[in-house]
Protein backbone atom coordinates (compact mmCIF):
# COMPACT_ATOMS: atom_id res chain seq x y z
CA MET A 1 48.92 58.01 181.88
CA LEU A 2 52.40 59.37 182.38
CA THR A 3 52.04 61.10 185.75
CA ILE A 4 54.82 62.55 187.89
CA ALA A 5 54.62 63.44 191.59
CA VAL A 6 56.01 66.92 192.21
CA SER A 7 55.38 67.25 195.96
CA LYS A 8 59.09 66.78 196.83
CA ILE A 9 60.38 69.53 194.52
CA LYS A 10 57.58 72.06 193.98
CA ASN A 11 58.47 74.16 197.06
CA ILE A 12 62.26 73.87 196.81
CA PRO A 13 63.83 76.10 194.10
CA GLY A 14 66.71 74.31 192.38
CA ALA A 15 65.53 70.82 193.40
CA LYS A 16 65.72 68.07 190.77
CA ALA A 17 64.56 64.47 190.43
CA ASP A 18 64.91 61.74 187.83
CA ILE A 19 61.89 60.43 185.92
CA ASP A 20 61.43 56.96 184.43
CA LEU A 21 57.85 56.25 183.32
CA CYS A 22 56.25 53.60 181.14
CA ALA A 23 52.54 53.33 180.34
CA ASP A 24 50.07 52.01 177.81
CA VAL A 25 48.45 55.06 176.25
CA ASP A 26 45.37 55.27 174.04
CA PRO A 27 46.04 58.04 171.48
CA LEU A 28 42.31 58.33 170.76
CA ALA A 29 41.70 59.43 174.36
CA TYR A 30 43.95 62.44 173.65
CA GLY A 31 42.40 63.32 170.29
CA TYR A 32 44.87 61.55 167.99
CA GLN A 33 43.02 59.48 165.41
CA ASP A 34 44.47 57.03 162.89
CA LEU A 35 47.57 56.36 165.00
CA GLU A 36 48.17 53.37 167.21
CA PHE A 37 50.93 52.21 169.54
CA SER A 38 52.46 48.74 169.31
CA SER A 39 54.31 49.11 172.63
CA PRO A 40 53.99 51.21 175.79
CA VAL A 41 55.17 54.82 175.80
CA HIS A 42 58.45 55.16 177.70
CA PHE A 43 59.77 58.44 179.10
CA ILE A 44 63.19 58.91 180.72
CA GLY A 45 64.36 62.30 181.90
CA GLU A 46 64.37 64.69 184.80
CA MET A 47 62.20 67.29 186.46
CA GLY A 48 63.22 70.28 188.48
CA ASN A 49 62.07 73.50 190.09
CA LYS A 50 63.20 76.71 188.35
CA ASN A 51 61.91 79.63 190.43
CA GLY A 52 58.50 78.07 190.95
CA LEU A 53 58.17 76.59 187.45
CA ILE A 54 58.43 72.81 187.22
CA PHE A 55 60.48 71.84 184.18
CA VAL A 56 60.32 68.41 182.59
CA SER A 57 63.01 67.36 180.15
CA GLY A 58 63.80 64.01 178.61
CA ARG A 59 63.35 61.48 175.81
CA ALA A 60 60.13 59.67 174.95
CA SER A 61 59.90 56.55 172.81
CA ALA A 62 57.21 54.18 171.61
CA GLY A 63 56.59 51.59 168.94
CA MET A 64 53.86 52.64 166.53
CA LYS A 65 51.77 50.79 163.96
CA PHE A 66 51.60 52.20 160.44
CA CYS A 67 50.55 51.29 156.91
CA CYS A 68 53.19 51.68 154.17
CA HIS A 69 52.43 54.47 151.71
CA ARG A 70 53.92 52.52 148.78
CA CYS A 71 52.75 48.92 149.24
CA GLY A 72 49.96 49.17 151.83
CA GLU A 73 51.50 46.57 154.15
CA PRO A 74 51.24 47.10 157.94
CA PHE A 75 54.51 47.62 159.84
CA THR A 76 55.78 48.93 163.16
CA LYS A 77 58.38 51.62 163.74
CA ASP A 78 60.04 52.96 166.88
CA ILE A 79 59.58 56.70 167.27
CA GLN A 80 61.72 58.79 169.62
CA ALA A 81 61.22 62.40 170.61
CA LEU A 82 62.78 65.01 172.88
CA VAL A 83 60.36 66.54 175.36
CA GLU A 84 60.82 69.85 177.18
CA ALA A 85 57.98 71.58 179.00
CA TYR A 86 57.32 73.84 181.95
CA TYR A 87 54.40 73.62 184.36
CA THR A 88 53.06 76.21 186.78
CA LEU A 89 50.41 76.47 189.48
CA GLN A 90 49.70 80.07 188.46
CA PRO A 91 47.38 80.33 185.41
CA GLU A 92 48.65 83.82 184.53
CA LYS A 93 52.12 82.37 183.84
CA ALA A 94 50.78 79.66 181.53
CA ASP A 95 50.95 79.84 177.77
CA PRO A 96 47.76 78.17 176.48
CA GLN A 97 48.83 78.43 172.83
CA GLY A 98 51.92 76.37 173.63
CA GLU A 99 54.37 78.88 172.17
CA TYR A 100 56.64 78.57 175.20
CA ASP A 101 55.37 75.19 176.42
CA ILE A 102 54.26 76.47 179.84
CA PHE A 103 51.21 74.58 181.08
CA THR A 104 49.18 74.72 184.28
CA TYR A 105 48.76 71.95 186.81
CA SER A 106 47.08 71.60 190.17
CA GLY A 107 47.67 69.37 193.14
CA GLU A 108 50.68 67.20 193.73
CA THR A 109 50.95 65.48 190.33
CA ILE A 110 51.44 66.48 186.69
CA ASP A 111 50.14 64.46 183.76
CA ILE A 112 52.83 64.87 181.09
CA THR A 113 51.04 62.51 178.67
CA PRO A 114 49.60 65.22 176.37
CA GLU A 115 52.97 66.88 175.85
CA VAL A 116 54.79 63.55 175.39
CA LEU A 117 52.23 62.44 172.79
CA ARG A 118 52.45 65.76 170.98
CA GLN A 119 56.22 65.46 170.64
CA ILE A 120 56.05 61.80 169.55
CA PHE A 121 53.47 62.54 166.87
CA LEU A 122 55.55 65.46 165.60
CA GLU A 123 58.33 62.94 164.91
CA VAL A 124 56.17 60.67 162.73
CA PRO A 125 57.57 60.86 159.17
CA MET A 126 55.40 62.42 156.47
CA LYS A 127 56.00 59.46 154.14
CA LEU A 128 55.68 56.15 155.95
CA LEU A 129 57.62 53.31 154.33
CA CYS A 130 57.87 49.73 155.58
CA ARG A 131 61.50 49.83 154.46
CA GLU A 132 63.68 52.27 152.52
CA ASP A 133 63.79 50.12 149.38
CA CYS A 134 60.04 49.37 149.27
CA ARG A 135 59.13 48.77 145.61
CA GLY A 136 55.40 49.42 146.09
CA LEU A 137 52.57 48.01 143.99
CA CYS A 138 52.39 47.36 140.26
CA PRO A 139 50.26 50.17 138.80
CA ILE A 140 48.59 47.75 136.40
CA CYS A 141 47.84 44.50 138.27
CA GLY A 142 48.35 45.67 141.89
CA ALA A 143 50.91 42.99 142.79
CA ASN A 144 53.17 43.80 145.73
CA LEU A 145 56.55 44.15 143.98
CA ASN A 146 58.43 43.44 147.24
CA TYR A 147 57.23 39.81 147.09
CA ASN A 148 56.17 39.13 143.49
CA LYS A 149 57.39 39.93 140.03
CA CYS A 150 54.68 40.61 137.51
CA SER A 151 54.78 40.47 133.71
CA CYS A 152 52.92 43.72 133.18
CA ARG A 153 54.40 46.24 130.77
CA VAL A 154 54.60 49.54 132.55
CA GLU A 155 55.11 51.60 129.39
CA GLN A 156 51.80 53.38 129.67
CA ILE A 157 51.95 56.97 128.55
CA ASP A 158 50.02 59.66 130.31
CA PRO A 159 47.23 60.58 127.85
CA ARG A 160 48.03 64.26 128.29
CA LEU A 161 51.56 63.65 126.97
CA GLU A 162 50.74 61.07 124.29
CA LYS A 163 50.95 63.61 121.43
CA LEU A 164 54.63 64.21 122.22
CA LYS A 165 55.59 60.76 120.86
CA ASP A 166 54.64 62.05 117.36
CA PHE A 167 56.94 65.03 117.76
CA VAL A 168 59.79 64.86 115.20
CA PHE A 169 63.16 66.44 115.79
CA ASP A 170 64.86 68.06 112.80
CA THR A 171 68.57 68.06 113.62
CA GLU A 172 69.49 70.16 110.57
CA LYS A 173 67.32 73.08 111.64
CA GLY A 174 68.17 72.65 115.33
CA VAL A 175 64.56 71.90 116.25
């Protein structure tokens, strides 16, 4: 867990403190399935007291394990995210839908793990590639084209478009 102690700043408006946290986090424990870390989650930033609200601001990073969408090979990628959130002791000031990122806390510590994970997972690319020039798999034999060349002819025509190869152009009529 990424937990910060706020006892030194929570009663002093304008007070600030630096944060440097590192922890092994299980994404499944926070409801994130199908994603896995390859390194601890690291958060560097600051916290402060703004008129009774505790703000947390900084950069989170972690190595994550993925499977390439083109070739199916496993790979790791470093993901970085900016994190900004506010925490309050007063539930009426909280924003449970997260529109303004104001969350409640109690006691002398705040667990920022859920917000850090949310921001990291928002930075995961939609299309995961092991490398930019990944050639993928041969659609006929399934060979990984990053490592092997295959002798398959890839001139297969989509059956829905096969009739178009019989289409004849008449250049005199302009058709």
